[in-house]
Every structure is written in C-alpha cells, then in structure tokens.
C-alpha cells in the first residue's frame, strides 16, 4: 500500500484517530515514515517523533510507536505513548507484551 500523502513510498505507519468532534467516528491514515515524521500528529506524540525516541523495553533506538488519549472516570485526560525497537517489536509479535526484552 502506498503512502496516501506522497503516493510514492510504502505506507509503514498506520494510524487510527478518534475524531473528538464526532464521538465514535474514526479517521484512518496510511503514511510512509517520512510523511508521518513531518506530520502534526508526529509532533503530538509527547513532542517526540519515532526516530528521536527509544524503546520502552530495552532503550534501543525506536522504529515504531503509537500514542493514545487516555481518560479516567473523572473525565481527567492525558496522552500516553509507547515506542519499540525492531527486536522488541519482533519479540512482542512472537511472545506477547509480558515477554518482550
């Protein structure tokens, strides 16, 4: 699948956003790493981009990551992000989240 922005590179970043103005509505995006790293969404991930981040499990340079809005029962909100290196990403695929690194 090609990047929906540049239509040249392979889309390796797949994003599903919940649209705040329309609860229950989701917006999907498929981007290459270069287009994603230049996007506003990349800057929202705690001000970090994937290449500038480290793996949550082992501290190696990250190759993938995701962010999510988190809201408590009291309505207090926040955002959390997670980053993985290539090896830990493979470990998670094979073993599950409790067995990485």
N, C-alpha and C. Protein backbone atom coordinates (compact mmCIF):
# COMPACT_ATOMS: atom_id res chain seq x y z
N UNK A 1 0.85 -1.17 0.00
CA UNK A 1 0.00 0.00 0.00
C UNK A 1 0.90 1.24 0.00
N UNK A 2 0.58 2.17 -0.85
CA UNK A 2 1.36 3.41 -0.94
C UNK A 2 0.89 4.44 0.07
N UNK A 3 1.80 5.31 0.44
CA UNK A 3 1.51 6.42 1.34
C UNK A 3 0.41 7.29 0.73
N UNK A 4 -0.59 7.62 1.52
CA UNK A 4 -1.70 8.42 0.99
C UNK A 4 -1.33 9.88 0.78
N UNK A 5 -0.20 10.32 1.34
CA UNK A 5 0.20 11.71 1.17
C UNK A 5 1.11 11.91 -0.04
N UNK A 6 2.19 11.12 -0.13
CA UNK A 6 3.13 11.31 -1.23
C UNK A 6 2.86 10.38 -2.42
N UNK A 7 2.13 9.31 -2.18
CA UNK A 7 1.81 8.32 -3.22
C UNK A 7 3.05 7.74 -3.91
N UNK A 8 4.17 7.70 -3.18
CA UNK A 8 5.42 7.17 -3.74
C UNK A 8 5.98 6.03 -2.90
N UNK A 9 6.13 6.27 -1.61
CA UNK A 9 6.76 5.30 -0.73
C UNK A 9 5.72 4.35 -0.13
N UNK A 10 6.20 3.21 0.35
CA UNK A 10 5.34 2.23 1.01
C UNK A 10 4.83 2.81 2.33
N UNK A 11 3.54 2.67 2.60
CA UNK A 11 2.95 3.12 3.86
C UNK A 11 3.33 2.13 4.95
N UNK A 12 4.10 2.59 5.93
CA UNK A 12 4.50 1.73 7.04
C UNK A 12 3.95 2.22 8.37
N UNK A 13 3.34 3.39 8.37
CA UNK A 13 2.72 3.94 9.58
C UNK A 13 1.22 3.97 9.34
N UNK A 14 0.50 3.23 10.17
CA UNK A 14 -0.95 3.12 10.02
C UNK A 14 -1.59 3.69 11.28
N UNK A 15 -2.41 4.72 11.10
CA UNK A 15 -2.94 5.49 12.22
C UNK A 15 -4.46 5.42 12.20
N UNK A 16 -5.04 5.23 13.37
CA UNK A 16 -6.48 5.34 13.53
C UNK A 16 -6.71 6.40 14.60
N UNK A 17 -7.37 7.48 14.21
CA UNK A 17 -7.65 8.57 15.15
C UNK A 17 -9.14 8.58 15.47
N UNK A 18 -9.46 8.86 16.73
CA UNK A 18 -10.84 9.07 17.11
C UNK A 18 -11.10 10.56 16.94
N UNK A 19 -12.15 10.90 16.21
CA UNK A 19 -12.47 12.29 15.93
C UNK A 19 -13.21 12.87 17.14
N UNK A 20 -12.58 13.84 17.82
CA UNK A 20 -13.13 14.40 19.06
C UNK A 20 -14.50 15.05 18.84
N UNK A 21 -14.67 15.67 17.69
CA UNK A 21 -15.92 16.38 17.43
C UNK A 21 -17.08 15.44 17.10
N UNK A 22 -16.77 14.19 16.78
CA UNK A 22 -17.80 13.22 16.41
C UNK A 22 -17.50 11.89 17.10
N UNK A 23 -17.87 11.75 18.37
CA UNK A 23 -17.57 10.52 19.11
C UNK A 23 -18.02 9.27 18.34
N UNK A 24 -17.18 8.29 18.34
CA UNK A 24 -17.48 7.05 17.62
C UNK A 24 -16.97 7.05 16.19
N UNK A 25 -16.64 8.22 15.66
CA UNK A 25 -16.11 8.29 14.29
C UNK A 25 -14.60 8.13 14.33
N UNK A 26 -14.09 7.33 13.40
CA UNK A 26 -12.65 7.08 13.33
C UNK A 26 -12.13 7.55 11.97
N UNK A 27 -10.90 8.06 12.00
CA UNK A 27 -10.23 8.50 10.78
C UNK A 27 -8.96 7.67 10.63
N UNK A 28 -8.82 6.96 9.52
CA UNK A 28 -7.64 6.13 9.30
C UNK A 28 -6.71 6.79 8.31
N UNK A 29 -5.41 6.66 8.58
CA UNK A 29 -4.39 7.22 7.70
C UNK A 29 -3.29 6.19 7.50
N UNK A 30 -2.76 6.13 6.30
CA UNK A 30 -1.66 5.22 5.97
C UNK A 30 -0.56 6.07 5.34
N UNK A 31 0.56 6.20 6.07
CA UNK A 31 1.64 7.09 5.65
C UNK A 31 2.98 6.36 5.63
N UNK A 32 3.91 6.88 4.85
CA UNK A 32 5.29 6.40 4.91
C UNK A 32 5.95 7.09 6.12
N UNK A 33 7.09 6.58 6.54
CA UNK A 33 7.78 7.14 7.71
C UNK A 33 8.13 8.61 7.50
N UNK A 34 8.56 8.97 6.29
CA UNK A 34 8.96 10.36 6.03
C UNK A 34 7.77 11.32 6.15
N UNK A 35 6.63 10.96 5.58
CA UNK A 35 5.46 11.83 5.66
C UNK A 35 4.92 11.90 7.08
N UNK A 36 4.92 10.75 7.77
CA UNK A 36 4.46 10.76 9.16
C UNK A 36 5.34 11.63 10.04
N UNK A 37 6.66 11.50 9.89
CA UNK A 37 7.56 12.25 10.76
C UNK A 37 7.43 13.76 10.57
N UNK A 38 6.90 14.20 9.44
CA UNK A 38 6.69 15.63 9.18
C UNK A 38 5.28 16.08 9.54
N UNK A 39 4.43 15.15 9.96
CA UNK A 39 3.03 15.48 10.22
C UNK A 39 2.85 16.11 11.60
N UNK A 40 1.73 16.78 11.78
CA UNK A 40 1.39 17.37 13.08
C UNK A 40 1.17 16.27 14.11
N UNK A 41 0.64 15.14 13.68
CA UNK A 41 0.39 14.04 14.61
C UNK A 41 1.69 13.54 15.24
N UNK A 42 2.74 13.46 14.45
CA UNK A 42 4.03 13.02 14.99
C UNK A 42 4.50 13.97 16.07
N UNK A 43 4.27 15.25 15.91
CA UNK A 43 4.69 16.24 16.91
C UNK A 43 3.86 16.15 18.18
N UNK A 44 2.64 15.61 18.08
CA UNK A 44 1.77 15.49 19.24
C UNK A 44 2.17 14.34 20.15
N UNK A 45 2.95 13.41 19.66
CA UNK A 45 3.33 12.24 20.45
C UNK A 45 4.36 12.69 21.49
N UNK A 46 3.87 13.44 22.47
CA UNK A 46 4.70 13.98 23.55
C UNK A 46 5.89 14.76 23.00
N UNK A 47 5.68 15.43 21.88
CA UNK A 47 6.74 16.24 21.31
C UNK A 47 7.87 15.42 20.70
N UNK A 48 7.68 14.12 20.59
CA UNK A 48 8.73 13.26 20.05
C UNK A 48 8.31 12.70 18.70
N UNK A 49 9.27 12.30 17.93
CA UNK A 49 9.00 11.51 16.74
C UNK A 49 9.67 10.16 16.95
N UNK A 50 9.26 9.18 16.22
CA UNK A 50 9.79 7.83 16.40
C UNK A 50 11.32 7.81 16.32
N UNK A 51 11.95 8.42 15.29
CA UNK A 51 13.42 8.35 15.23
C UNK A 51 14.12 9.02 16.41
N UNK A 52 13.45 9.92 17.10
CA UNK A 52 14.06 10.62 18.23
C UNK A 52 13.76 9.92 19.56
N UNK A 53 13.11 8.75 19.51
CA UNK A 53 12.68 8.07 20.72
C UNK A 53 13.45 6.77 20.94
N UNK A 54 13.30 6.23 22.14
CA UNK A 54 13.95 4.95 22.46
C UNK A 54 12.89 3.94 22.86
N UNK A 55 13.24 2.68 22.74
CA UNK A 55 12.36 1.57 23.05
C UNK A 55 11.97 1.58 24.53
N UNK A 56 10.69 1.38 24.83
CA UNK A 56 10.21 1.33 26.21
C UNK A 56 10.81 0.15 26.98
N UNK A 57 11.16 -0.93 26.27
CA UNK A 57 11.63 -2.14 26.94
C UNK A 57 13.14 -2.17 27.17
N UNK A 58 13.92 -1.82 26.12
CA UNK A 58 15.37 -2.00 26.24
C UNK A 58 16.18 -0.72 26.06
N UNK A 59 15.56 0.35 25.61
CA UNK A 59 16.27 1.62 25.45
C UNK A 59 16.97 1.80 24.11
N UNK A 60 16.87 0.82 23.22
CA UNK A 60 17.47 0.94 21.88
C UNK A 60 16.69 1.96 21.05
N UNK A 61 17.25 2.45 19.94
CA UNK A 61 16.52 3.39 19.08
C UNK A 61 15.19 2.78 18.60
N UNK A 62 14.14 3.56 18.68
CA UNK A 62 12.80 3.08 18.30
C UNK A 62 12.63 3.07 16.78
N UNK A 63 11.86 2.10 16.30
CA UNK A 63 11.50 2.02 14.88
C UNK A 63 10.00 2.12 14.68
N UNK A 64 9.23 2.01 15.76
CA UNK A 64 7.79 2.11 15.67
C UNK A 64 7.26 2.66 16.98
N UNK A 65 6.05 3.16 16.94
CA UNK A 65 5.46 3.70 18.16
C UNK A 65 4.00 4.02 17.96
N UNK A 66 3.33 4.30 19.05
CA UNK A 66 1.93 4.69 18.98
C UNK A 66 1.60 5.56 20.17
N UNK A 67 0.50 6.29 20.05
CA UNK A 67 0.03 7.15 21.12
C UNK A 67 -1.47 6.99 21.25
N UNK A 68 -1.96 7.24 22.45
CA UNK A 68 -3.39 7.13 22.68
C UNK A 68 -3.81 8.16 23.70
N UNK A 69 -5.00 8.70 23.51
CA UNK A 69 -5.60 9.56 24.51
C UNK A 69 -6.17 8.66 25.60
N UNK A 70 -5.98 9.05 26.85
CA UNK A 70 -6.45 8.25 27.97
C UNK A 70 -7.29 9.14 28.86
N UNK A 71 -8.50 8.70 29.18
CA UNK A 71 -9.38 9.48 30.04
C UNK A 71 -9.84 8.62 31.20
N UNK A 72 -9.81 9.19 32.39
CA UNK A 72 -10.26 8.47 33.58
C UNK A 72 -11.76 8.65 33.77
N UNK A 73 -12.31 7.93 34.74
CA UNK A 73 -13.74 8.00 35.04
C UNK A 73 -14.14 9.41 35.48
N UNK A 74 -13.19 10.15 36.04
CA UNK A 74 -13.48 11.51 36.48
C UNK A 74 -13.41 12.53 35.36
N UNK A 75 -13.12 12.06 34.15
CA UNK A 75 -13.04 12.95 33.00
C UNK A 75 -11.68 13.55 32.76
N UNK A 76 -10.74 13.32 33.70
CA UNK A 76 -9.39 13.84 33.52
C UNK A 76 -8.72 13.10 32.37
N UNK A 77 -8.09 13.85 31.51
CA UNK A 77 -7.49 13.24 30.33
C UNK A 77 -6.00 13.40 30.27
N UNK A 78 -5.42 12.65 29.41
CA UNK A 78 -3.99 12.71 29.20
C UNK A 78 -3.64 11.94 27.94
N UNK A 79 -2.39 11.85 27.68
CA UNK A 79 -1.95 11.13 26.49
C UNK A 79 -0.77 10.25 26.89
N UNK A 80 -0.73 9.07 26.34
CA UNK A 80 0.41 8.20 26.59
C UNK A 80 0.97 7.74 25.26
N UNK A 81 2.25 7.47 25.25
CA UNK A 81 2.88 6.99 24.02
C UNK A 81 3.81 5.84 24.36
N UNK A 82 4.03 4.99 23.38
CA UNK A 82 4.88 3.82 23.54
C UNK A 82 5.75 3.68 22.31
N UNK A 83 7.01 3.28 22.51
CA UNK A 83 7.93 3.12 21.39
C UNK A 83 8.65 1.79 21.51
N UNK A 84 8.95 1.17 20.37
CA UNK A 84 9.62 -0.13 20.33
C UNK A 84 10.77 -0.12 19.34
N UNK A 85 11.83 -0.86 19.67
CA UNK A 85 12.92 -1.10 18.71
C UNK A 85 12.51 -2.30 17.85
N UNK A 86 13.29 -2.58 16.83
CA UNK A 86 12.96 -3.67 15.92
C UNK A 86 12.93 -5.03 16.63
N UNK A 87 13.92 -5.30 17.49
CA UNK A 87 13.99 -6.60 18.17
C UNK A 87 12.82 -6.79 19.13
N UNK A 88 12.50 -5.79 19.92
CA UNK A 88 11.39 -5.91 20.87
C UNK A 88 10.06 -6.00 20.15
N UNK A 89 9.93 -5.33 19.01
CA UNK A 89 8.72 -5.45 18.21
C UNK A 89 8.53 -6.89 17.76
N UNK A 90 9.61 -7.53 17.31
CA UNK A 90 9.54 -8.94 16.91
C UNK A 90 9.22 -9.83 18.10
N UNK A 91 9.85 -9.55 19.24
CA UNK A 91 9.58 -10.33 20.45
C UNK A 91 8.11 -10.23 20.85
N UNK A 92 7.54 -9.03 20.78
CA UNK A 92 6.14 -8.84 21.12
C UNK A 92 5.23 -9.63 20.18
N UNK A 93 5.56 -9.66 18.92
CA UNK A 93 4.77 -10.42 17.95
C UNK A 93 4.79 -11.91 18.29
N UNK A 94 5.97 -12.41 18.67
CA UNK A 94 6.12 -13.84 18.95
C UNK A 94 5.64 -14.25 20.34
N UNK A 95 5.96 -13.45 21.34
CA UNK A 95 5.76 -13.89 22.73
C UNK A 95 4.67 -13.17 23.48
N UNK A 96 4.28 -11.97 23.08
CA UNK A 96 3.31 -11.20 23.83
C UNK A 96 3.97 -10.14 24.67
N UNK A 97 3.22 -9.14 25.16
CA UNK A 97 3.78 -7.98 25.85
C UNK A 97 4.52 -8.28 27.14
N UNK A 98 4.17 -9.35 27.83
CA UNK A 98 4.84 -9.65 29.10
C UNK A 98 6.19 -10.32 28.93
N UNK A 99 6.56 -10.68 27.69
CA UNK A 99 7.77 -11.43 27.44
C UNK A 99 8.80 -10.67 26.63
N UNK A 100 8.55 -9.41 26.28
CA UNK A 100 9.48 -8.65 25.46
C UNK A 100 10.75 -8.33 26.24
N UNK A 101 11.83 -8.17 25.51
CA UNK A 101 13.16 -7.78 26.02
C UNK A 101 13.76 -8.72 27.01
